[in-house]
Amino acid sequence: MALRWYTVVVDSHDIAAQSRWWAETLGYVVVWDSPEGVAIVPPWASTTPFEDPEEWRRQPQGMVFVPVEEGKEVKNRLHLDLAPHSTGDRDAEIEALLGRGATRADVGQPADAGFTVLRDPEGNEFCVLGARSL
């Protein structure tokens, strides 16, 4: 028996704004939207049940945004690494994220790091890596 990584849950003050920011960032779509949470998945993910456990395990992960009252106080202990395809323009992607409300973050990374640390509009850190084809 094995478990499937199903979703990443993000505590948020404004679940509507956060979920849509991340959906635009990742090219995901909203598949569930209620006052208790908003779920986003890649557009190729199935939203119908699977009888076959192996087919179910091959489905991509989503993100769920749930409302919380408390604020973020410390650096994340877990973060997402994002990367453009090798044909993409990493710097342009970073500028687009900054233009949509991301901010640069210093979490102690070296000045010559091969990644850029950013924060989403609610302060959650994530990294933009160099371009990749894998």
Protein backbone atom coordinates (compact mmCIF):
# COMPACT_ATOMS: atom_id res chain seq x y z
CA MET A 1 0.00 0.00 0.00
CA ALA A 2 1.20 3.53 -0.75
CA LEU A 3 -0.22 6.96 -0.19
CA ARG A 4 -0.61 9.65 -2.79
CA TRP A 5 0.59 13.21 -2.32
CA TYR A 6 -2.82 14.79 -2.82
CA THR A 7 -2.55 18.53 -2.15
CA VAL A 8 -0.57 21.28 -0.53
CA VAL A 9 -2.71 23.21 1.94
CA VAL A 10 -2.07 26.94 2.25
CA ASP A 11 -3.40 28.89 5.23
CA SER A 12 -4.74 32.19 3.93
CA HIS A 13 -6.49 35.35 5.04
CA ASP A 14 -8.12 35.86 1.64
CA ILE A 15 -8.67 32.41 0.12
CA ALA A 16 -10.26 33.80 -3.04
CA ALA A 17 -7.38 36.14 -3.85
CA GLN A 18 -4.63 33.67 -2.85
CA SER A 19 -6.10 30.76 -4.79
CA ARG A 20 -6.54 32.84 -7.91
CA TRP A 21 -3.02 34.28 -7.62
CA TRP A 22 -1.55 30.78 -7.45
CA ALA A 23 -3.89 29.46 -10.16
CA GLU A 24 -2.64 32.18 -12.52
CA THR A 25 0.96 31.58 -11.49
CA LEU A 26 0.79 27.83 -12.16
CA GLY A 27 -1.76 27.76 -14.96
CA TYR A 28 -4.18 25.84 -12.70
CA VAL A 29 -7.97 25.99 -12.58
CA VAL A 30 -10.34 26.33 -9.63
CA VAL A 31 -12.26 23.08 -9.07
CA TRP A 32 -13.84 23.77 -5.69
CA ASP A 33 -14.77 27.11 -4.17
CA SER A 34 -16.56 27.54 -0.85
CA PRO A 35 -16.17 29.62 2.31
CA GLU A 36 -14.28 26.66 3.83
CA GLY A 37 -11.67 26.53 1.09
CA VAL A 38 -10.70 26.80 -2.54
CA ALA A 39 -9.00 23.99 -4.49
CA ILE A 40 -6.94 24.43 -7.64
CA VAL A 41 -5.48 21.75 -9.92
CA PRO A 42 -3.73 21.56 -13.28
CA PRO A 43 -6.24 21.72 -16.15
CA TRP A 44 -5.32 18.17 -17.24
CA ALA A 45 -6.22 16.70 -13.82
CA SER A 46 -9.36 14.61 -13.72
CA THR A 47 -12.14 15.68 -11.37
CA THR A 48 -13.98 12.35 -11.64
CA PRO A 49 -13.42 9.38 -9.31
CA PHE A 50 -11.03 6.57 -10.28
CA GLU A 51 -11.75 2.92 -9.54
CA ASP A 52 -8.18 1.93 -10.41
CA PRO A 53 -5.80 2.91 -7.57
CA GLU A 54 -2.81 3.16 -9.92
CA GLU A 55 -4.60 5.58 -12.24
CA TRP A 56 -5.67 7.59 -9.17
CA ARG A 57 -2.03 7.69 -7.94
CA ARG A 58 -0.88 9.16 -11.28
CA GLN A 59 -3.06 12.24 -10.90
CA PRO A 60 -1.22 15.53 -10.30
CA GLN A 61 -1.23 17.35 -6.99
CA GLY A 62 -3.43 20.31 -6.29
CA MET A 63 -3.43 23.17 -3.82
CA VAL A 64 -6.12 23.98 -1.26
CA PHE A 65 -6.45 27.40 0.36
CA VAL A 66 -8.15 27.44 3.76
CA PRO A 67 -9.09 30.46 5.87
CA VAL A 68 -7.13 31.27 9.02
CA GLU A 69 -7.23 34.27 11.31
CA GLU A 70 -3.67 34.27 12.59
CA GLY A 71 -0.88 35.89 10.64
CA LYS A 72 2.30 34.35 9.30
CA GLU A 73 5.10 34.99 11.77
CA VAL A 74 8.20 33.03 10.70
CA LYS A 75 9.90 31.66 7.61
CA ASN A 76 8.11 28.70 6.00
CA ARG A 77 9.44 25.27 6.91
CA LEU A 78 8.18 23.98 3.57
CA HIS A 79 8.07 25.88 0.29
CA LEU A 80 7.43 25.36 -3.41
CA ASP A 81 10.19 25.49 -6.01
CA LEU A 82 9.00 26.79 -9.37
CA ALA A 83 10.99 26.61 -12.59
CA PRO A 84 10.42 27.81 -16.13
CA HIS A 85 11.01 25.43 -19.04
CA SER A 86 14.44 25.65 -20.63
CA THR A 87 12.85 27.62 -23.48
CA GLY A 88 11.44 30.17 -21.03
CA ASP A 89 12.79 33.44 -19.70
CA ARG A 90 13.37 33.08 -15.94
CA ASP A 91 13.93 36.79 -15.36
CA ALA A 92 10.74 37.69 -17.24
CA GLU A 93 8.80 35.16 -15.12
CA ILE A 94 10.18 36.73 -11.93
CA GLU A 95 9.28 40.22 -13.13
CA ALA A 96 5.75 39.05 -13.97
CA LEU A 97 5.37 37.56 -10.46
CA LEU A 98 6.61 40.79 -8.90
CA GLY A 99 4.19 42.75 -11.06
CA ARG A 100 1.31 40.60 -9.77
CA GLY A 101 2.13 41.12 -6.10
CA ALA A 102 5.05 38.85 -5.20
CA THR A 103 7.94 40.42 -3.30
CA ARG A 104 11.61 39.51 -3.00
CA ALA A 105 12.63 37.72 0.19
CA ASP A 106 15.91 37.31 2.04
CA VAL A 107 15.87 34.06 4.01
CA GLY A 108 19.64 33.85 4.31
CA GLN A 109 20.36 32.59 0.81
CA PRO A 110 23.82 33.36 -0.59
CA ALA A 111 24.11 36.29 -2.99
CA ASP A 112 25.21 33.95 -5.80
CA ALA A 113 22.40 31.43 -5.28
CA GLY A 114 21.05 29.80 -8.42
CA PHE A 115 17.50 30.56 -7.31
CA THR A 116 15.45 33.58 -6.33
CA VAL A 117 13.35 33.60 -3.17
CA LEU A 118 10.02 35.41 -3.41
CA ARG A 119 6.94 35.78 -1.23
CA ASP A 120 3.38 35.47 -2.50
CA PRO A 121 0.92 38.29 -1.69
CA GLU A 122 0.33 36.86 1.83
CA GLY A 123 4.03 36.38 2.60
CA ASN A 124 4.56 32.66 1.88
CA GLU A 125 8.07 32.04 0.54
CA PHE A 126 8.70 30.16 -2.68
CA CYS A 127 11.68 29.88 -5.02
CA VAL A 128 12.11 30.39 -8.73
CA LEU A 129 14.85 28.10 -9.99
CA GLY A 130 16.81 28.24 -13.20
CA ALA A 131 15.17 26.97 -16.39
CA ARG A 132 14.81 23.20 -16.73
CA SER A 133 13.66 20.61 -19.24
CA LEU A 134 13.02 17.85 -16.69
